[in-house]
């Protein structure tokens, strides 16, 4: 009888426990590496060869500037890669360089176009600042012109704003932030209810705002509280209760008390009566001549 000696026989590599898992893991790493390489290649191509701009398409009507001036201000040219372009910074650069550009929007259009939408600014109001100088602002509240020595006819004259940081291309700012909000709110309502009718706005005292209507009626508006209601109420009175030739002063009292209108003739009479009364008082106060 022979003794049998048991020996350990190694299994083939393919049948060892864990071999399949290692192979799958290696394949996963390989695929991941290939994916990363492909993404990097595409990224590099998109920044160098692909998506270079071959056409600029303009939207909007340009009157003050040409398309070439817009492109030059934004350092835009044919062949520029659209994904190397920071749209926000380029838009801001164009607005800073070309003061009369109110707004500009850049939009990529694959594979090789950039859409440029430009809105040009128009002079909207003339604001007094620094005791006698004037600046021109756009409807959006940007300074279009500064250091003017005379007010600009045909624009709304705004006084009492306490402007600060007046500089070309910047947004208008007041030392009193409430005055900024009030003026912008007023301009919105004016555009809606009575465009081209308001000739001046005096906001020196926020509780006693004054304005001119159609160059013939002065309005004591009061505070900005319920400003939309007040504008509609005053507009109705002027259009339905006054003649187109009437001139004078319209005083808004309150929602309960309404408003009152004093004609220019009555104002002149009141002024002359007051002067006469003052002269009488001055005469009465003088000492009598004893000689």
Protein backbone atom coordinates (compact mmCIF):
# COMPACT_ATOMS: atom_id res chain seq x y z
CA UNK A 1 0.00 0.00 0.00
CA UNK A 2 1.43 3.28 -1.16
CA UNK A 3 1.34 6.47 0.79
CA UNK A 4 -0.41 9.30 -1.08
CA UNK A 5 1.07 12.73 -0.56
CA UNK A 6 -1.36 15.58 -1.14
CA UNK A 7 0.01 18.59 -2.91
CA UNK A 8 -1.53 22.08 -3.36
CA UNK A 9 -2.33 22.62 -6.99
CA UNK A 10 -2.58 26.27 -8.02
CA UNK A 11 -5.71 27.22 -9.86
CA UNK A 12 -5.30 28.90 -13.21
CA UNK A 13 -5.17 32.68 -12.94
CA UNK A 14 -8.52 33.00 -14.64
CA UNK A 15 -10.18 31.02 -11.89
CA UNK A 16 -8.56 32.71 -8.93
CA UNK A 17 -10.96 34.57 -6.60
CA UNK A 18 -10.94 38.35 -7.19
CA UNK A 19 -9.28 38.23 -10.62
CA UNK A 20 -12.47 39.25 -12.45
CA UNK A 21 -13.00 42.14 -10.06
CA UNK A 22 -9.47 43.40 -10.63
CA UNK A 23 -9.92 43.15 -14.39
CA UNK A 24 -13.17 45.07 -14.25
CA UNK A 25 -11.53 47.72 -12.08
CA UNK A 26 -8.65 48.07 -14.52
CA UNK A 27 -11.07 48.43 -17.42
CA UNK A 28 -13.04 51.07 -15.52
CA UNK A 29 -9.87 53.06 -14.85
CA UNK A 30 -8.90 52.72 -18.51
CA UNK A 31 -12.27 54.00 -19.71
CA UNK A 32 -12.20 56.83 -17.18
CA UNK A 33 -8.73 57.83 -18.32
CA UNK A 34 -9.81 57.76 -21.98
CA UNK A 35 -12.88 59.86 -21.13
CA UNK A 36 -10.74 62.45 -19.33
CA UNK A 37 -8.32 62.58 -22.25
CA UNK A 38 -11.19 63.06 -24.73
CA UNK A 39 -12.70 65.85 -22.61
CA UNK A 40 -9.32 67.60 -22.40
CA UNK A 41 -8.82 67.30 -26.15
CA UNK A 42 -12.29 68.69 -26.85
CA UNK A 43 -11.72 71.50 -24.34
CA UNK A 44 -8.43 72.48 -25.98
CA UNK A 45 -9.97 72.30 -29.45
CA UNK A 46 -12.94 74.42 -28.37
CA UNK A 47 -10.54 77.09 -27.16
CA UNK A 48 -8.27 77.00 -30.21
CA UNK A 49 -9.71 75.52 -33.41
CA UNK A 50 -13.42 75.02 -32.86
CA UNK A 51 -16.01 77.79 -32.23
CA UNK A 52 -13.97 80.64 -33.65
CA UNK A 53 -16.22 83.57 -34.58
CA UNK A 54 -16.70 84.01 -38.32
CA UNK A 55 -19.74 86.30 -38.21
CA UNK A 56 -21.18 89.08 -36.03
CA UNK A 57 -24.93 89.60 -36.32
CA UNK A 58 -26.35 92.91 -35.07
CA UNK A 59 -29.85 93.49 -33.67
CA UNK A 60 -31.27 96.93 -32.94
CA UNK A 61 -31.01 100.23 -34.77
CA UNK A 62 -27.69 102.07 -34.63
CA UNK A 63 -27.77 105.81 -35.20
CA UNK A 64 -24.94 107.29 -33.16
CA UNK A 65 -22.41 104.47 -33.56
CA UNK A 66 -21.41 102.12 -36.38
CA UNK A 67 -21.07 98.35 -36.10
CA UNK A 68 -17.30 98.70 -36.44
CA UNK A 69 -17.21 101.11 -33.48
CA UNK A 70 -19.16 98.61 -31.34
CA UNK A 71 -16.81 95.76 -32.27
CA UNK A 72 -13.70 97.88 -31.70
CA UNK A 73 -14.94 98.99 -28.28
CA UNK A 74 -15.37 95.35 -27.24
CA UNK A 75 -12.11 94.21 -28.88
CA UNK A 76 -14.17 91.86 -31.02
CA UNK A 77 -12.84 90.55 -34.32
CA UNK A 78 -13.21 87.71 -36.77
CA UNK A 79 -11.42 84.57 -35.59
CA UNK A 80 -11.83 85.30 -31.89
CA UNK A 81 -12.83 82.19 -29.97
CA UNK A 82 -16.31 82.62 -28.54
CA UNK A 83 -15.59 80.52 -25.46
CA UNK A 84 -12.46 82.48 -24.61
CA UNK A 85 -14.69 85.57 -24.55
CA UNK A 86 -16.09 86.79 -21.22
CA UNK A 87 -19.47 88.12 -22.34
CA UNK A 88 -20.28 90.11 -19.19
CA UNK A 89 -16.94 91.92 -19.12
CA UNK A 90 -17.09 92.63 -22.85
CA UNK A 91 -20.60 94.09 -22.55
CA UNK A 92 -19.48 96.33 -19.69
CA UNK A 93 -16.41 97.43 -21.63
CA UNK A 94 -18.52 98.50 -24.60
CA UNK A 95 -20.85 100.51 -22.34
CA UNK A 96 -17.92 102.21 -20.61
CA UNK A 97 -16.21 103.07 -23.88
CA UNK A 98 -19.28 104.22 -25.81
CA UNK A 99 -21.23 106.40 -23.38
CA UNK A 100 -24.37 106.55 -25.51
CA UNK A 101 -24.82 102.76 -25.43
CA UNK A 102 -27.58 102.21 -22.89
CA UNK A 103 -27.43 98.43 -23.03
CA UNK A 104 -25.64 95.71 -25.01
CA UNK A 105 -26.14 91.96 -24.95
CA UNK A 106 -23.85 89.35 -26.52
CA UNK A 107 -25.15 85.90 -27.32
CA UNK A 108 -23.27 82.90 -28.73
CA UNK A 109 -24.81 81.12 -31.70
CA UNK A 110 -23.08 77.86 -32.51
CA UNK A 111 -21.04 77.00 -34.37
CA UNK A 112 -19.39 80.33 -35.29
CA UNK A 113 -21.65 83.38 -34.79
CA UNK A 114 -22.04 86.03 -32.11
CA UNK A 115 -25.28 88.00 -31.87
CA UNK A 116 -24.84 91.62 -30.74
CA UNK A 117 -27.96 93.44 -29.50
CA UNK A 118 -27.41 97.15 -28.88
CA UNK A 119 -29.77 99.73 -27.37
CA UNK A 120 -28.55 103.28 -27.77
CA UNK A 121 -29.20 105.80 -25.02
CA UNK A 122 -31.19 108.98 -25.51
CA UNK A 123 -30.95 112.15 -23.46
CA UNK A 124 -33.92 112.16 -21.10
CA UNK A 125 -33.43 114.62 -18.25
CA UNK A 126 -31.17 117.52 -17.35
CA UNK A 127 -30.09 117.49 -13.69
CA UNK A 128 -28.67 120.44 -11.82
CA UNK A 129 -25.71 119.81 -9.52
CA UNK A 130 -22.89 121.70 -7.79
CA UNK A 131 -24.76 125.02 -7.76
CA UNK A 132 -25.26 125.82 -11.41
CA UNK A 133 -23.74 123.01 -13.43
CA UNK A 134 -25.87 120.51 -15.34
CA UNK A 135 -25.55 116.91 -16.44
CA UNK A 136 -27.59 114.94 -18.95
CA UNK A 137 -28.91 111.52 -17.93
CA UNK A 138 -30.45 108.74 -19.98
CA UNK A 139 -33.79 107.11 -19.28
CA UNK A 140 -31.90 104.38 -17.43
CA UNK A 141 -30.18 106.94 -15.20
CA UNK A 142 -26.66 106.99 -16.72
CA UNK A 143 -24.63 110.16 -17.08
CA UNK A 144 -24.35 110.93 -20.79
CA UNK A 145 -22.90 114.43 -20.51
CA UNK A 146 -21.48 116.39 -17.59
CA UNK A 147 -20.07 119.84 -16.79
CA UNK A 148 -22.77 121.61 -18.81
CA UNK A 149 -23.12 125.31 -18.02
CA UNK A 150 -26.70 125.65 -19.25
CA UNK A 151 -29.80 123.52 -18.91
CA UNK A 152 -30.84 121.62 -22.03
CA UNK A 153 -34.13 122.69 -23.56
CA UNK A 154 -36.58 119.92 -24.37
CA UNK A 155 -35.51 117.72 -21.43
CA UNK A 156 -37.08 117.37 -18.00
CA UNK A 157 -35.21 119.70 -15.65
CA UNK A 158 -34.50 118.00 -12.31
CA UNK A 159 -33.35 120.08 -9.34
CA UNK A 160 -32.63 119.30 -5.70
CA UNK A 161 -31.27 115.77 -6.32
CA UNK A 162 -27.97 116.27 -4.40
CA UNK A 163 -26.05 114.27 -7.00
CA UNK A 164 -22.72 112.70 -6.10
CA UNK A 165 -20.02 110.96 -8.10
CA UNK A 166 -21.02 112.60 -11.37
CA UNK A 167 -18.94 110.95 -14.12
CA UNK A 168 -19.55 109.95 -17.72
CA UNK A 169 -21.03 106.48 -18.11
CA UNK A 170 -21.76 106.02 -14.40
CA UNK A 171 -25.23 105.53 -12.94
CA UNK A 172 -26.62 108.65 -11.29
CA UNK A 173 -26.43 108.71 -7.51
CA UNK A 174 -27.77 110.99 -4.79
CA UNK A 175 -26.53 111.63 -1.29
CA UNK A 176 -30.14 110.87 -0.35
CA UNK A 177 -30.85 107.36 -1.69
CA UNK A 178 -34.60 107.95 -1.30
CA UNK A 179 -34.43 110.72 -3.89
CA UNK A 180 -32.99 108.26 -6.42
CA UNK A 181 -35.88 105.86 -5.91
CA UNK A 182 -38.46 108.65 -6.02
CA UNK A 183 -37.14 110.10 -9.26
CA UNK A 184 -36.98 106.70 -11.01
CA UNK A 185 -40.53 105.92 -9.85
CA UNK A 186 -41.72 109.30 -11.10
CA UNK A 187 -40.10 108.81 -14.49
CA UNK A 188 -41.80 105.43 -14.89
CA UNK A 189 -45.22 106.94 -14.16
CA UNK A 190 -44.55 109.96 -16.36
CA UNK A 191 -43.72 107.66 -19.28
CA UNK A 192 -46.96 105.76 -18.70
CA UNK A 193 -49.43 108.58 -17.99
CA UNK A 194 -48.14 111.86 -19.35
CA UNK A 195 -45.12 111.49 -21.64
CA UNK A 196 -43.61 114.77 -22.85
CA UNK A 197 -45.81 116.78 -20.45
CA UNK A 198 -43.68 117.20 -17.32
CA UNK A 199 -41.18 120.01 -17.82
CA UNK A 200 -39.44 120.11 -14.43
CA UNK A 201 -39.26 118.26 -11.13
CA UNK A 202 -38.02 120.00 -7.97
CA UNK A 203 -37.20 117.38 -5.35
CA UNK A 204 -35.29 119.65 -2.97
CA UNK A 205 -37.80 118.83 -0.22
CA UNK A 206 -39.02 115.23 -0.41
CA UNK A 207 -42.14 116.16 1.54
CA UNK A 208 -43.02 119.01 -0.81
CA UNK A 209 -42.13 117.96 -4.36
CA UNK A 210 -42.95 120.43 -7.13
CA UNK A 211 -43.21 119.98 -10.87
CA UNK A 212 -44.32 121.69 -14.04
CA UNK A 213 -46.94 120.42 -16.47
CA UNK A 214 -46.96 121.36 -20.14
CA UNK A 215 -45.09 124.58 -19.42
CA UNK A 216 -48.23 126.26 -18.06
CA UNK A 217 -49.21 124.65 -14.76
CA UNK A 218 -47.09 124.44 -11.62
CA UNK A 219 -47.98 121.53 -9.36
CA UNK A 220 -47.42 121.27 -5.62
CA UNK A 221 -47.32 117.49 -5.45
CA UNK A 222 -46.53 117.01 -1.76
CA UNK A 223 -44.62 113.86 -0.74
CA UNK A 224 -44.06 110.79 -2.90
CA UNK A 225 -46.59 108.80 -0.86
CA UNK A 226 -49.22 107.21 -3.15
CA UNK A 227 -47.47 108.84 -6.09
CA UNK A 228 -49.26 106.74 -8.74
CA UNK A 229 -52.69 107.69 -7.40
CA UNK A 230 -51.67 111.35 -7.20
CA UNK A 231 -50.40 111.40 -10.78
CA UNK A 232 -53.61 109.86 -12.09
CA UNK A 233 -55.75 112.22 -10.02
CA UNK A 234 -53.84 115.34 -11.12
CA UNK A 235 -53.83 114.22 -14.76
CA UNK A 236 -57.60 113.74 -14.65
CA UNK A 237 -58.16 117.21 -13.18
CA UNK A 238 -55.97 118.89 -15.80
CA UNK A 239 -57.47 117.02 -18.74
CA UNK A 240 -61.12 117.05 -17.66
CA UNK A 241 -61.56 120.16 -15.52
CA UNK A 242 -59.14 122.68 -16.99
CA UNK A 243 -58.92 124.24 -20.41
CA UNK A 244 -55.86 123.75 -22.59
CA UNK A 245 -55.16 127.47 -22.25
CA UNK A 246 -55.42 127.59 -18.45
CA UNK A 247 -52.28 128.54 -16.54
CA UNK A 248 -51.67 128.68 -12.82
CA UNK A 249 -50.95 126.59 -9.73
CA UNK A 250 -52.45 123.20 -8.88
CA UNK A 251 -52.14 122.18 -5.22
CA UNK A 252 -52.75 118.58 -4.18
CA UNK A 253 -54.07 118.42 -0.60
CA UNK A 254 -55.01 114.83 0.17
CA UNK A 255 -57.17 111.94 -1.05
CA UNK A 256 -60.03 113.30 1.05
CA UNK A 257 -59.61 117.02 0.39
CA UNK A 258 -58.61 116.62 -3.25
CA UNK A 259 -56.82 119.47 -5.02
CA UNK A 260 -57.34 123.13 -5.78
CA UNK A 261 -56.40 125.25 -8.77
CA UNK A 262 -55.40 128.92 -8.64
CA UNK A 263 -55.24 130.68 -12.00
CA UNK A 264 -52.32 132.88 -12.97
CA UNK A 265 -54.59 135.94 -12.84
CA UNK A 266 -55.60 135.12 -9.28
CA UNK A 267 -51.98 134.49 -8.32
CA UNK A 268 -50.98 137.88 -9.71
CA UNK A 269 -53.81 139.54 -7.80
CA UNK A 270 -52.84 137.76 -4.58
CA UNK A 271 -49.24 138.87 -5.05
CA UNK A 272 -50.20 142.49 -5.70
CA UNK A 273 -52.55 142.49 -2.68
CA UNK A 274 -49.75 141.13 -0.54
CA UNK A 275 -47.34 143.79 -1.75
CA UNK A 276 -49.91 146.49 -1.04
CA UNK A 277 -50.51 145.11 2.44
CA UNK A 278 -46.76 145.04 3.12
CA UNK A 279 -46.41 148.65 1.98
CA UNK A 280 -49.28 149.68 4.26
CA UNK A 281 -47.71 147.88 7.19
CA UNK A 282 -44.36 149.53 6.51
CA UNK A 283 -46.02 152.96 6.34
CA UNK A 284 -47.91 152.39 9.58
CA UNK A 285 -44.77 151.26 11.34
CA UNK A 286 -42.81 154.37 10.39
CA UNK A 287 -42.65 157.04 13.14
CA UNK A 288 -44.84 160.08 12.53
CA UNK A 289 -43.13 163.34 11.47
CA UNK A 290 -43.39 165.71 14.45
CA UNK A 291 -42.22 168.81 12.54
